[in-house]
PDB file of N, CA and C in Angstrom:
ATOM      1  N   MET A   1      10.268 -31.505 -82.920  1.00  0.00           N
ATOM      2  CA  MET A   1       9.928 -30.108 -82.762  1.00  0.00           C
ATOM      3  C   MET A   1       9.638 -29.523 -84.147  1.00  0.00           C
ATOM      4  N   ILE A   2       8.565 -28.749 -84.233  1.00  0.00           N
ATOM      5  CA  ILE A   2       8.163 -28.130 -85.491  1.00  0.00           C
ATOM      6  C   ILE A   2       8.203 -26.616 -85.310  1.00  0.00           C
ATOM      7  N   HIS A   3       8.980 -25.936 -86.139  1.00  0.00           N
ATOM      8  CA  HIS A   3       9.043 -24.478 -86.076  1.00  0.00           C
ATOM      9  C   HIS A   3       7.765 -23.907 -86.680  1.00  0.00           C
ATOM     10  N   TYR A   4       7.203 -22.918 -86.024  1.00  0.00           N
ATOM     11  CA  TYR A   4       5.927 -22.368 -86.498  1.00  0.00           C
ATOM     12  C   TYR A   4       6.024 -21.815 -87.907  1.00  0.00           C
ATOM     13  N   LEU A   5       7.206 -21.325 -88.313  1.00  0.00           N
ATOM     14  CA  LEU A   5       7.354 -20.789 -89.661  1.00  0.00           C
ATOM     15  C   LEU A   5       7.320 -21.881 -90.726  1.00  0.00           C
ATOM     16  N   GLU A   6       7.718 -23.105 -90.371  1.00  0.00           N
ATOM     17  CA  GLU A   6       7.627 -24.201 -91.336  1.00  0.00           C
ATOM     18  C   GLU A   6       6.181 -24.393 -91.773  1.00  0.00           C
ATOM     19  N   ILE A   7       5.289 -24.378 -90.814  1.00  0.00           N
ATOM     20  CA  ILE A   7       3.865 -24.549 -91.127  1.00  0.00           C
ATOM     21  C   ILE A   7       3.375 -23.372 -91.958  1.00  0.00           C
ATOM     22  N   LEU A   8       3.689 -22.167 -91.545  1.00  0.00           N
ATOM     23  CA  LEU A   8       3.241 -20.971 -92.261  1.00  0.00           C
ATOM     24  C   LEU A   8       3.768 -20.952 -93.692  1.00  0.00           C
ATOM     25  N   HIS A   9       5.048 -21.216 -93.867  1.00  0.00           N
ATOM     26  CA  HIS A   9       5.644 -21.123 -95.196  1.00  0.00           C
ATOM     27  C   HIS A   9       5.135 -22.212 -96.141  1.00  0.00           C
ATOM     28  N   VAL A  10       5.002 -23.429 -95.661  1.00  0.00           N
ATOM     29  CA  VAL A  10       4.505 -24.509 -96.519  1.00  0.00           C
ATOM     30  C   VAL A  10       3.065 -24.230 -96.943  1.00  0.00           C
ATOM     31  N   VAL A  11       2.228 -23.826 -96.004  1.00  0.00           N
ATOM     32  CA  VAL A  11       0.830 -23.540 -96.332  1.00  0.00           C
ATOM     33  C   VAL A  11       0.747 -22.361 -97.306  1.00  0.00           C
ATOM     34  N   THR A  12       1.505 -21.314 -97.068  1.00  0.00           N
ATOM     35  CA  THR A  12       1.494 -20.142 -97.947  1.00  0.00           C
ATOM     36  C   THR A  12       1.942 -20.508 -99.355  1.00  0.00           C
ATOM     37  N   GLN A  13       3.017 -21.263 -99.468  1.00  0.00           N
ATOM     38  CA  GLN A  13       3.517 -21.646-100.788  1.00  0.00           C
ATOM     39  C   GLN A  13       2.522 -22.544-101.516  1.00  0.00           C
ATOM     40  N   ALA A  14       1.885 -23.444-100.797  1.00  0.00           N
ATOM     41  CA  ALA A  14       0.886 -24.316-101.425  1.00  0.00           C
ATOM     42  C   ALA A  14      -0.304 -23.495-101.921  1.00  0.00           C
ATOM     43  N   PHE A  15      -0.765 -22.544-101.131  1.00  0.00           N
ATOM     44  CA  PHE A  15      -1.880 -21.703-101.546  1.00  0.00           C
ATOM     45  C   PHE A  15      -1.506 -20.865-102.766  1.00  0.00           C
ATOM     46  N   GLU A  16      -0.309 -20.311-102.774  1.00  0.00           N
ATOM     47  CA  GLU A  16       0.123 -19.501-103.913  1.00  0.00           C
ATOM     48  C   GLU A  16       0.231 -20.365-105.168  1.00  0.00           C
ATOM     49  N   PHE A  17       0.752 -21.566-105.040  1.00  0.00           N
ATOM     50  CA  PHE A  17       0.823 -22.483-106.178  1.00  0.00           C
ATOM     51  C   PHE A  17      -0.586 -22.787-106.696  1.00  0.00           C
ATOM     52  N   GLY A  18      -1.494 -23.067-105.793  1.00  0.00           N
ATOM     53  CA  GLY A  18      -2.873 -23.344-106.184  1.00  0.00           C
ATOM     54  C   GLY A  18      -3.526 -22.169-106.877  1.00  0.00           C
ATOM     55  N   ARG A  19      -3.244 -20.964-106.410  1.00  0.00           N
ATOM     56  CA  ARG A  19      -3.806 -19.761-107.042  1.00  0.00           C
ATOM     57  C   ARG A  19      -3.280 -19.615-108.465  1.00  0.00           C
ATOM     58  N   ARG A  20      -1.973 -19.748-108.635  1.00  0.00           N
ATOM     59  CA  ARG A  20      -1.389 -19.605-109.970  1.00  0.00           C
ATOM     60  C   ARG A  20      -1.881 -20.699-110.913  1.00  0.00           C
ATOM     61  N   LEU A  21      -1.992 -21.914-110.411  1.00  0.00           N
ATOM     62  CA  LEU A  21      -2.477 -23.025-111.225  1.00  0.00           C
ATOM     63  C   LEU A  21      -3.933 -22.802-111.632  1.00  0.00           C
ATOM     64  N   ALA A  22      -4.751 -22.335-110.700  1.00  0.00           N
ATOM     65  CA  ALA A  22      -6.166 -22.079-111.001  1.00  0.00           C
ATOM     66  C   ALA A  22      -6.301 -21.005-112.073  1.00  0.00           C
ATOM     67  N   VAL A  23      -5.483 -19.969-112.004  1.00  0.00           N
ATOM     68  CA  VAL A  23      -5.530 -18.904-113.007  1.00  0.00           C
ATOM     69  C   VAL A  23      -5.055 -19.434-114.360  1.00  0.00           C
ATOM     70  N   ALA A  24      -3.933 -20.149-114.362  1.00  0.00           N
ATOM     71  CA  ALA A  24      -3.357 -20.658-115.611  1.00  0.00           C
ATOM     72  C   ALA A  24      -4.278 -21.662-116.298  1.00  0.00           C
ATOM     73  N   CYS A  25      -4.994 -22.451-115.523  1.00  0.00           N
ATOM     74  CA  CYS A  25      -5.869 -23.490-116.088  1.00  0.00           C
ATOM     75  C   CYS A  25      -7.318 -23.045-116.183  1.00  0.00           C
ATOM     76  N   ASP A  26      -7.578 -21.781-115.834  1.00  0.00           N
ATOM     77  CA  ASP A  26      -8.931 -21.225-115.883  1.00  0.00           C
ATOM     78  C   ASP A  26      -9.927 -22.100-115.116  1.00  0.00           C
ATOM     79  N   ILE A  27      -9.560 -22.460-113.891  1.00  0.00           N
ATOM     80  CA  ILE A  27     -10.419 -23.279-113.034  1.00  0.00           C
ATOM     81  C   ILE A  27     -11.554 -22.409-112.495  1.00  0.00           C
ATOM     82  N   GLN A  28     -12.747 -22.935-112.552  1.00  0.00           N
ATOM     83  CA  GLN A  28     -13.931 -22.229-112.058  1.00  0.00           C
ATOM     84  C   GLN A  28     -14.310 -22.780-110.678  1.00  0.00           C
ATOM     85  N   GLY A  29     -14.993 -21.984-109.876  1.00  0.00           N
ATOM     86  CA  GLY A  29     -15.429 -22.431-108.558  1.00  0.00           C
ATOM     87  C   GLY A  29     -14.379 -22.182-107.503  1.00  0.00           C
ATOM     88  N   LEU A  30     -14.466 -22.924-106.426  1.00  0.00           N
ATOM     89  CA  LEU A  30     -13.540 -22.747-105.318  1.00  0.00           C
ATOM     90  C   LEU A  30     -12.395 -23.747-105.387  1.00  0.00           C
ATOM     91  N   VAL A  31     -11.253 -23.304-104.926  1.00  0.00           N
ATOM     92  CA  VAL A  31     -10.097 -24.180-104.739  1.00  0.00           C
ATOM     93  C   VAL A  31     -10.033 -24.485-103.251  1.00  0.00           C
ATOM     94  N   THR A  32     -10.056 -25.740-102.892  1.00  0.00           N
ATOM     95  CA  THR A  32     -10.043 -26.131-101.484  1.00  0.00           C
ATOM     96  C   THR A  32      -8.743 -26.844-101.162  1.00  0.00           C
ATOM     97  N   TYR A  33      -8.100 -26.415-100.093  1.00  0.00           N
ATOM     98  CA  TYR A  33      -6.893 -27.061 -99.603  1.00  0.00           C
ATOM     99  C   TYR A  33      -7.207 -27.797 -98.319  1.00  0.00           C
ATOM    100  N   ASN A  34      -6.759 -29.023 -98.247  1.00  0.00           N
ATOM    101  CA  ASN A  34      -6.843 -29.814 -97.024  1.00  0.00           C
ATOM    102  C   ASN A  34      -5.425 -30.022 -96.527  1.00  0.00           C
ATOM    103  N   VAL A  35      -5.175 -29.615 -95.310  1.00  0.00           N
ATOM    104  CA  VAL A  35      -3.856 -29.792 -94.698  1.00  0.00           C
ATOM    105  C   VAL A  35      -3.985 -30.828 -93.603  1.00  0.00           C
ATOM    106  N   SER A  36      -3.149 -31.862 -93.680  1.00  0.00           N
ATOM    107  CA  SER A  36      -3.142 -32.916 -92.662  1.00  0.00           C
ATOM    108  C   SER A  36      -1.752 -33.043 -92.088  1.00  0.00           C
ATOM    109  N   LEU A  37      -1.662 -32.989 -90.792  1.00  0.00           N
ATOM    110  CA  LEU A  37      -0.410 -33.275 -90.089  1.00  0.00           C
ATOM    111  C   LEU A  37      -0.652 -34.569 -89.317  1.00  0.00           C
ATOM    112  N   ASN A  38       0.078 -35.588 -89.675  1.00  0.00           N
ATOM    113  CA  ASN A  38      -0.103 -36.909 -89.066  1.00  0.00           C
ATOM    114  C   ASN A  38       1.003 -37.205 -88.059  1.00  0.00           C
ATOM    115  N   ASN A  39       0.681 -38.029 -87.085  1.00  0.00           N
ATOM    116  CA  ASN A  39       1.647 -38.463 -86.067  1.00  0.00           C
ATOM    117  C   ASN A  39       2.291 -37.287 -85.339  1.00  0.00           C
ATOM    118  N   VAL A  40       1.492 -36.300 -84.954  1.00  0.00           N
ATOM    119  CA  VAL A  40       2.021 -35.125 -84.275  1.00  0.00           C
ATOM    120  C   VAL A  40       1.774 -35.138 -82.770  1.00  0.00           C
ATOM    121  N   LEU A  41       1.168 -36.205 -82.273  1.00  0.00           N
ATOM    122  CA  LEU A  41       0.920 -36.301 -80.835  1.00  0.00           C
ATOM    123  C   LEU A  41       2.230 -36.128 -80.071  1.00  0.00           C
ATOM    124  N   GLY A  42       2.255 -35.176 -79.168  1.00  0.00           N
ATOM    125  CA  GLY A  42       3.436 -34.937 -78.349  1.00  0.00           C
ATOM    126  C   GLY A  42       4.482 -34.052 -78.981  1.00  0.00           C
ATOM    127  N   HIS A  43       4.348 -33.731 -80.266  1.00  0.00           N
ATOM    128  CA  HIS A  43       5.323 -32.859 -80.902  1.00  0.00           C
ATOM    129  C   HIS A  43       5.177 -31.437 -80.372  1.00  0.00           C
ATOM    130  N   GLU A  44       6.290 -30.772 -80.290  1.00  0.00           N
ATOM    131  CA  GLU A  44       6.340 -29.411 -79.765  1.00  0.00           C
ATOM    132  C   GLU A  44       6.396 -28.427 -80.924  1.00  0.00           C
ATOM    133  N   ILE A  45       5.735 -27.289 -80.756  1.00  0.00           N
ATOM    134  CA  ILE A  45       5.857 -26.220 -81.741  1.00  0.00           C
ATOM    135  C   ILE A  45       6.843 -25.201 -81.179  1.00  0.00           C
ATOM    136  N   LEU A  46       7.813 -24.840 -81.995  1.00  0.00           N
ATOM    137  CA  LEU A  46       8.842 -23.892 -81.580  1.00  0.00           C
ATOM    138  C   LEU A  46       8.430 -22.492 -82.007  1.00  0.00           C
ATOM    139  N   VAL A  47       8.223 -21.648 -81.034  1.00  0.00           N
ATOM    140  CA  VAL A  47       7.930 -20.244 -81.253  1.00  0.00           C
ATOM    141  C   VAL A  47       8.969 -19.471 -80.445  1.00  0.00           C
ATOM    142  N   PRO A  48       9.947 -18.834 -81.116  1.00  0.00           N
ATOM    143  CA  PRO A  48      10.990 -18.116 -80.382  1.00  0.00           C
ATOM    144  C   PRO A  48      10.407 -17.128 -79.372  1.00  0.00           C
ATOM    145  N   LYS A  49      11.068 -17.015 -78.270  1.00  0.00           N
ATOM    146  CA  LYS A  49      10.698 -16.095 -77.182  1.00  0.00           C
ATOM    147  C   LYS A  49       9.378 -16.468 -76.520  1.00  0.00           C
ATOM    148  N   ARG A  50       8.921 -17.684 -76.738  1.00  0.00           N
ATOM    149  CA  ARG A  50       7.692 -18.140 -76.086  1.00  0.00           C
ATOM    150  C   ARG A  50       8.045 -19.268 -75.140  1.00  0.00           C
ATOM    151  N   PHE A  51       7.773 -19.063 -73.878  1.00  0.00           N
ATOM    152  CA  PHE A  51       8.059 -20.078 -72.867  1.00  0.00           C
ATOM    153  C   PHE A  51       6.925 -20.071 -71.863  1.00  0.00           C
ATOM    154  N   PRO A  52       6.461 -21.191 -71.423  1.00  0.00           N
ATOM    155  CA  PRO A  52       6.902 -22.518 -71.840  1.00  0.00           C
ATOM    156  C   PRO A  52       6.258 -22.905 -73.169  1.00  0.00           C
ATOM    157  N   SER A  53       6.935 -23.776 -73.850  1.00  0.00           N
ATOM    158  CA  SER A  53       6.368 -24.275 -75.094  1.00  0.00           C
ATOM    159  C   SER A  53       5.316 -25.329 -74.753  1.00  0.00           C
ATOM    160  N   SER A  54       4.548 -25.706 -75.735  1.00  0.00           N
ATOM    161  CA  SER A  54       3.517 -26.705 -75.474  1.00  0.00           C
ATOM    162  C   SER A  54       3.534 -27.754 -76.572  1.00  0.00           C
ATOM    163  N   HIS A  55       2.838 -28.827 -76.317  1.00  0.00           N
ATOM    164  CA  HIS A  55       2.879 -29.989 -77.189  1.00  0.00           C
ATOM    165  C   HIS A  55       1.492 -30.317 -77.725  1.00  0.00           C
ATOM    166  N   CYS A  56       1.468 -30.899 -78.908  1.00  0.00           N
ATOM    167  CA  CYS A  56       0.216 -31.299 -79.533  1.00  0.00           C
ATOM    168  C   CYS A  56      -0.413 -32.437 -78.730  1.00  0.00           C
ATOM    169  N   LYS A  57      -1.693 -32.358 -78.540  1.00  0.00           N
ATOM    170  CA  LYS A  57      -2.390 -33.368 -77.744  1.00  0.00           C
ATOM    171  C   LYS A  57      -3.261 -34.285 -78.598  1.00  0.00           C
ATOM    172  N   THR A  58      -3.096 -34.199 -79.900  1.00  0.00           N
ATOM    173  CA  THR A  58      -3.833 -35.058 -80.815  1.00  0.00           C
ATOM    174  C   THR A  58      -2.858 -35.682 -81.809  1.00  0.00           C
ATOM    175  N   ASP A  59      -3.203 -36.845 -82.338  1.00  0.00           N
ATOM    176  CA  ASP A  59      -2.295 -37.543 -83.242  1.00  0.00           C
ATOM    177  C   ASP A  59      -2.350 -36.992 -84.658  1.00  0.00           C
ATOM    178  N   LYS A  60      -3.479 -36.401 -85.033  1.00  0.00           N
ATOM    179  CA  LYS A  60      -3.653 -35.937 -86.400  1.00  0.00           C
ATOM    180  C   LYS A  60      -4.403 -34.611 -86.405  1.00  0.00           C
ATOM    181  N   ILE A  61      -3.903 -33.673 -87.193  1.00  0.00           N
ATOM    182  CA  ILE A  61      -4.553 -32.381 -87.368  1.00  0.00           C
ATOM    183  C   ILE A  61      -4.998 -32.296 -88.820  1.00  0.00           C
ATOM    184  N   VAL A  62      -6.265 -32.004 -89.025  1.00  0.00           N
ATOM    185  CA  VAL A  62      -6.807 -31.851 -90.376  1.00  0.00           C
ATOM    186  C   VAL A  62      -7.588 -30.538 -90.420  1.00  0.00           C
ATOM    187  N   GLU A  63      -7.194 -29.671 -91.315  1.00  0.00           N
ATOM    188  CA  GLU A  63      -7.877 -28.388 -91.499  1.00  0.00           C
ATOM    189  C   GLU A  63      -8.057 -28.129 -92.989  1.00  0.00           C
ATOM    190  N   SER A  64      -9.104 -27.411 -93.346  1.00  0.00           N
ATOM    191  CA  SER A  64      -9.380 -27.078 -94.743  1.00  0.00           C
ATOM    192  C   SER A  64      -9.654 -25.594 -94.886  1.00  0.00           C
ATOM    193  N   GLU A  65      -9.356 -25.083 -96.054  1.00  0.00           N
ATOM    194  CA  GLU A  65      -9.626 -23.679 -96.366  1.00  0.00           C
ATOM    195  C   GLU A  65      -9.845 -23.582 -97.875  1.00  0.00           C
ATOM    196  N   ALA A  66     -10.757 -22.720 -98.295  1.00  0.00           N
ATOM    197  CA  ALA A  66     -11.054 -22.560 -99.715  1.00  0.00           C
ATOM    198  C   ALA A  66     -10.866 -21.107-100.125  1.00  0.00           C
ATOM    199  N   PHE A  67     -10.573 -20.929-101.412  1.00  0.00           N
ATOM    200  CA  PHE A  67     -10.507 -19.588-101.973  1.00  0.00           C
ATOM    201  C   PHE A  67     -10.959 -19.654-103.427  1.00  0.00           C
ATOM    202  N   SER A  68     -11.270 -18.511-103.970  1.00  0.00           N
ATOM    203  CA  SER A  68     -11.711 -18.428-105.361  1.00  0.00           C
ATOM    204  C   SER A  68     -10.502 -18.195-106.256  1.00  0.00           C
ATOM    205  N   PRO A  69     -10.475 -18.789-107.437  1.00  0.00           N
ATOM    206  CA  PRO A  69      -9.393 -18.504-108.382  1.00  0.00           C
ATOM    207  C   PRO A  69      -9.349 -17.032-108.789  1.00  0.00           C
ATOM    208  N   LEU A  70     -10.439 -16.313-108.564  1.00  0.00           N
ATOM    209  CA  LEU A  70     -10.480 -14.892-108.888  1.00  0.00           C
ATOM    210  C   LEU A  70      -9.826 -14.034-107.799  1.00  0.00           C
ATOM    211  N   ASP A  71      -9.568 -14.625-106.631  1.00  0.00           N
ATOM    212  CA  ASP A  71      -8.934 -13.888-105.535  1.00  0.00           C
ATOM    213  C   ASP A  71      -7.495 -13.535-105.904  1.00  0.00           C
ATOM    214  N   GLY A  72      -7.093 -12.352-105.510  1.00  0.00           N
ATOM    215  CA  GLY A  72      -5.704 -11.942-105.722  1.00  0.00           C
ATOM    216  C   GLY A  72      -4.792 -12.572-104.682  1.00  0.00           C
ATOM    217  N   PRO A  73      -3.471 -12.368-104.829  1.00  0.00           N
ATOM    218  CA  PRO A  73      -2.517 -12.961-103.883  1.00  0.00           C
ATOM    219  C   PRO A  73      -2.773 -12.578-102.433  1.00  0.00           C
ATOM    220  N   ASP A  74      -3.133 -11.327-102.168  1.00  0.00           N
ATOM    221  CA  ASP A  74      -3.355 -10.912-100.776  1.00  0.00           C
ATOM    222  C   ASP A  74      -4.512 -11.672-100.138  1.00  0.00           C
ATOM    223  N   ALA A  75      -5.592 -11.870-100.893  1.00  0.00           N
ATOM    224  CA  ALA A  75      -6.740 -12.612-100.360  1.00  0.00           C
ATOM    225  C   ALA A  75      -6.376 -14.078-100.124  1.00  0.00           C
ATOM    226  N   VAL A  76      -5.609 -14.651-101.029  1.00  0.00           N
ATOM    227  CA  VAL A  76      -5.199 -16.049-100.870  1.00  0.00           C
ATOM    228  C   VAL A  76      -4.259 -16.189 -99.679  1.00  0.00           C
ATOM    229  N   PHE A  77      -3.336 -15.252 -99.517  1.00  0.00           N
ATOM    230  CA  PHE A  77      -2.431 -15.295 -98.355  1.00  0.00           C
ATOM    231  C   PHE A  77      -3.210 -15.137 -97.057  1.00  0.00           C
ATOM    232  N   ALA A  78      -4.264 -14.340 -97.071  1.00  0.00           N
ATOM    233  CA  ALA A  78      -5.105 -14.185 -95.880  1.00  0.00           C
ATOM    234  C   ALA A  78      -5.792 -15.511 -95.539  1.00  0.00           C
ATOM    235  N   ARG A  79      -6.223 -16.262 -96.540  1.00  0.00           N
ATOM    236  CA  ARG A  79      -6.844 -17.574 -96.302  1.00  0.00           C
ATOM    237  C   ARG A  79      -5.811 -18.541 -95.720  1.00  0.00           C
ATOM    238  N   ALA A  80      -4.565 -18.456 -96.191  1.00  0.00           N
ATOM    239  CA  ALA A  80      -3.497 -19.313 -95.649  1.00  0.00           C
ATOM    240  C   ALA A  80      -3.280 -19.007 -94.164  1.00  0.00           C
ATOM    241  N   ILE A  81      -3.288 -17.741 -93.811  1.00  0.00           N
ATOM    242  CA  ILE A  81      -3.118 -17.368 -92.401  1.00  0.00           C
ATOM    243  C   ILE A  81      -4.313 -17.846 -91.586  1.00  0.00           C
ATOM    244  N   ALA A  82      -5.504 -17.740 -92.131  1.00  0.00           N
ATOM    245  CA  ALA A  82      -6.691 -18.239 -91.420  1.00  0.00           C
ATOM    246  C   ALA A  82      -6.533 -19.719 -91.100  1.00  0.00           C
ATOM    247  N   LEU A  83      -5.971 -20.473 -92.036  1.00  0.00           N
ATOM    248  CA  LEU A  83      -5.802 -21.905 -91.806  1.00  0.00           C
ATOM    249  C   LEU A  83      -4.751 -22.173 -90.724  1.00  0.00           C
ATOM    250  N   VAL A  84      -3.591 -21.512 -90.806  1.00  0.00           N
ATOM    251  CA  VAL A  84      -2.564 -21.785 -89.792  1.00  0.00           C
ATOM    252  C   VAL A  84      -3.000 -21.315 -88.409  1.00  0.00           C
ATOM    253  N   LEU A  85      -3.850 -20.285 -88.366  1.00  0.00           N
ATOM    254  CA  LEU A  85      -4.361 -19.836 -87.068  1.00  0.00           C
ATOM    255  C   LEU A  85      -5.306 -20.860 -86.440  1.00  0.00           C
ATOM    256  N   ARG A  86      -5.773 -21.823 -87.218  1.00  0.00           N
ATOM    257  CA  ARG A  86      -6.556 -22.938 -86.668  1.00  0.00           C
ATOM    258  C   ARG A  86      -5.659 -24.132 -86.321  1.00  0.00           C
ATOM    259  N   ILE A  87      -4.482 -24.175 -86.902  1.00  0.00           N
ATOM    260  CA  ILE A  87      -3.541 -25.268 -86.601  1.00  0.00           C
ATOM    261  C   ILE A  87      -2.789 -24.995 -85.309  1.00  0.00           C
ATOM    262  N   TYR A  88      -2.261 -23.806 -85.139  1.00  0.00           N
ATOM    263  CA  TYR A  88      -1.415 -23.492 -83.982  1.00  0.00           C
ATOM    264  C   TYR A  88      -2.063 -23.792 -82.630  1.00  0.00           C
ATOM    265  N   PRO A  89      -3.328 -23.476 -82.414  1.00  0.00           N
ATOM    266  CA  PRO A  89      -3.927 -23.774 -81.105  1.00  0.00           C
ATOM    267  C   PRO A  89      -3.911 -25.264 -80.753  1.00  0.00           C
ATOM    268  N   GLN A  90      -3.870 -26.111 -81.750  1.00  0.00           N
ATOM    269  CA  GLN A  90      -3.826 -27.544 -81.469  1.00  0.00           C
ATOM    270  C   GLN A  90      -2.468 -27.957 -80.899  1.00  0.00           C
ATOM    271  N   PHE A  91      -1.486 -27.069 -81.036  1.00  0.00           N
ATOM    272  CA  PHE A  91      -0.190 -27.244 -80.388  1.00  0.00           C
ATOM    273  C   PHE A  91      -0.130 -26.446 -79.088  1.00  0.00           C
ATOM    274  N   GLY A  92      -1.233 -25.813 -78.722  1.00  0.00           N
ATOM    275  CA  GLY A  92      -1.272 -25.046 -77.484  1.00  0.00           C
ATOM    276  C   GLY A  92      -0.929 -23.578 -77.646  1.00  0.00           C
ATOM    277  N   TRP A  93      -0.661 -23.112 -78.867  1.00  0.00           N
ATOM    278  CA  TRP A  93      -0.334 -21.699 -79.089  1.00  0.00           C
ATOM    279  C   TRP A  93      -1.601 -20.990 -79.532  1.00  0.00           C
ATOM    280  N   ARG A  94      -2.259 -20.353 -78.572  1.00  0.00           N
ATOM    281  CA  ARG A  94      -3.555 -19.751 -78.831  1.00  0.00           C
ATOM    282  C   ARG A  94      -3.517 -18.241 -79.047  1.00  0.00           C
ATOM    283  N   ASP A  95      -2.372 -17.626 -78.867  1.00  0.00           N
ATOM    284  CA  ASP A  95      -2.317 -16.175 -78.999  1.00  0.00           C
ATOM    285  C   ASP A  95      -1.469 -15.712 -80.186  1.00  0.00           C
ATOM    286  N   ALA A  96      -1.399 -16.525 -81.228  1.00  0.00           N
ATOM    287  CA  ALA A  96      -0.686 -16.121 -82.438  1.00  0.00           C
ATOM    288  C   ALA A  96      -1.373 -14.901 -83.036  1.00  0.00           C
ATOM    289  N   GLN A  97      -0.587 -13.964 -83.517  1.00  0.00           N
ATOM    290  CA  GLN A  97      -1.119 -12.719 -84.063  1.00  0.00           C
ATOM    291  C   GLN A  97      -1.045 -12.731 -85.587  1.00  0.00           C
ATOM    292  N   ALA A  98      -2.176 -12.503 -86.236  1.00  0.00           N
ATOM    293  CA  ALA A  98      -2.229 -12.522 -87.698  1.00  0.00           C
ATOM    294  C   ALA A  98      -1.275 -11.502 -88.312  1.00  0.00           C
ATOM    295  N   ASP A  99      -1.148 -10.320 -87.699  1.00  0.00           N
ATOM    296  CA  ASP A  99      -0.258  -9.291 -88.250  1.00  0.00           C
ATOM    297  C   ASP A  99       1.196  -9.759 -88.243  1.00  0.00           C
ATOM    298  N   ASP A 100       1.617 -10.417 -87.167  1.00  0.00           N
ATOM    299  CA  ASP A 100       2.986 -10.944 -87.097  1.00  0.00           C
ATOM    300  C   ASP A 100       3.200 -12.020 -88.155  1.00  0.00           C
ATOM    301  N   LEU A 101       2.193 -12.857 -88.347  1.00  0.00           N
ATOM    302  CA  LEU A 101       2.303 -13.913 -89.356  1.00  0.00           C
ATOM    303  C   LEU A 101       2.369 -13.319 -90.764  1.00  0.00           C
ATOM    304  N   ARG A 102       1.629 -12.248 -91.013  1.00  0.00           N
ATOM    305  CA  ARG A 102       1.685 -11.583 -92.328  1.00  0.00           C
ATOM    306  C   ARG A 102       3.093 -11.054 -92.621  1.00  0.00           C
ATOM    307  N   GLN A 103       3.734 -10.501 -91.602  1.00  0.00           N
ATOM    308  CA  GLN A 103       5.106 -10.004 -91.797  1.00  0.00           C
ATOM    309  C   GLN A 103       6.040 -11.154 -92.166  1.00  0.00           C
ATOM    310  N   GLN A 104       5.916 -12.271 -91.485  1.00  0.00           N
ATOM    311  CA  GLN A 104       6.742 -13.438 -91.796  1.00  0.00           C
ATOM    312  C   GLN A 104       6.381 -14.010 -93.164  1.00  0.00           C
ATOM    313  N   GLN A 105       5.127 -13.959 -93.499  1.00  0.00           N
ATOM    314  CA  GLN A 105       4.659 -14.508 -94.776  1.00  0.00           C
ATOM    315  C   GLN A 105       5.277 -13.751 -95.956  1.00  0.00           C
ATOM    316  N   ARG A 106       5.497 -12.483 -95.811  1.00  0.00           N
ATOM    317  CA  ARG A 106       6.085 -11.675 -96.880  1.00  0.00           C
ATOM    318  C   ARG A 106       7.520 -12.097 -97.178  1.00  0.00           C
ATOM    319  N   ARG A 107       8.148 -12.783 -96.258  1.00  0.00           N
ATOM    320  CA  ARG A 107       9.545 -13.206 -96.432  1.00  0.00           C
ATOM    321  C   ARG A 107       9.661 -14.515 -97.207  1.00  0.00           C
ATOM    322  N   VAL A 108       8.521 -15.112 -97.519  1.00  0.00           N
ATOM    323  CA  VAL A 108       8.534 -16.401 -98.236  1.00  0.00           C
ATOM    324  C   VAL A 108       9.045 -16.212 -99.642  1.00  0.00           C
TER     325      VAL A 108
END
């Protein structure tokens, strides 16, 4: 079982690290993140107060998202949410709300 916040928090932290690294190293162009979840066939995503839960129907999830090193933290966090909103439906959760995810993201 994978808690939905685990995915959100890991992706958000990775994006923030990439943003800070790009600024510190004066990286030009786009920073692209590739997120791969392997061996997830049949795994359940835990979303509190959501019943019934659903399971991933694919063995591997691969999603990518890019941002500019010139983007501020809010823009980078928005790109992180865009990416997780493409991951969750593969677990059967199609009605995730970006505003709710932003509130959780602020707690990282």
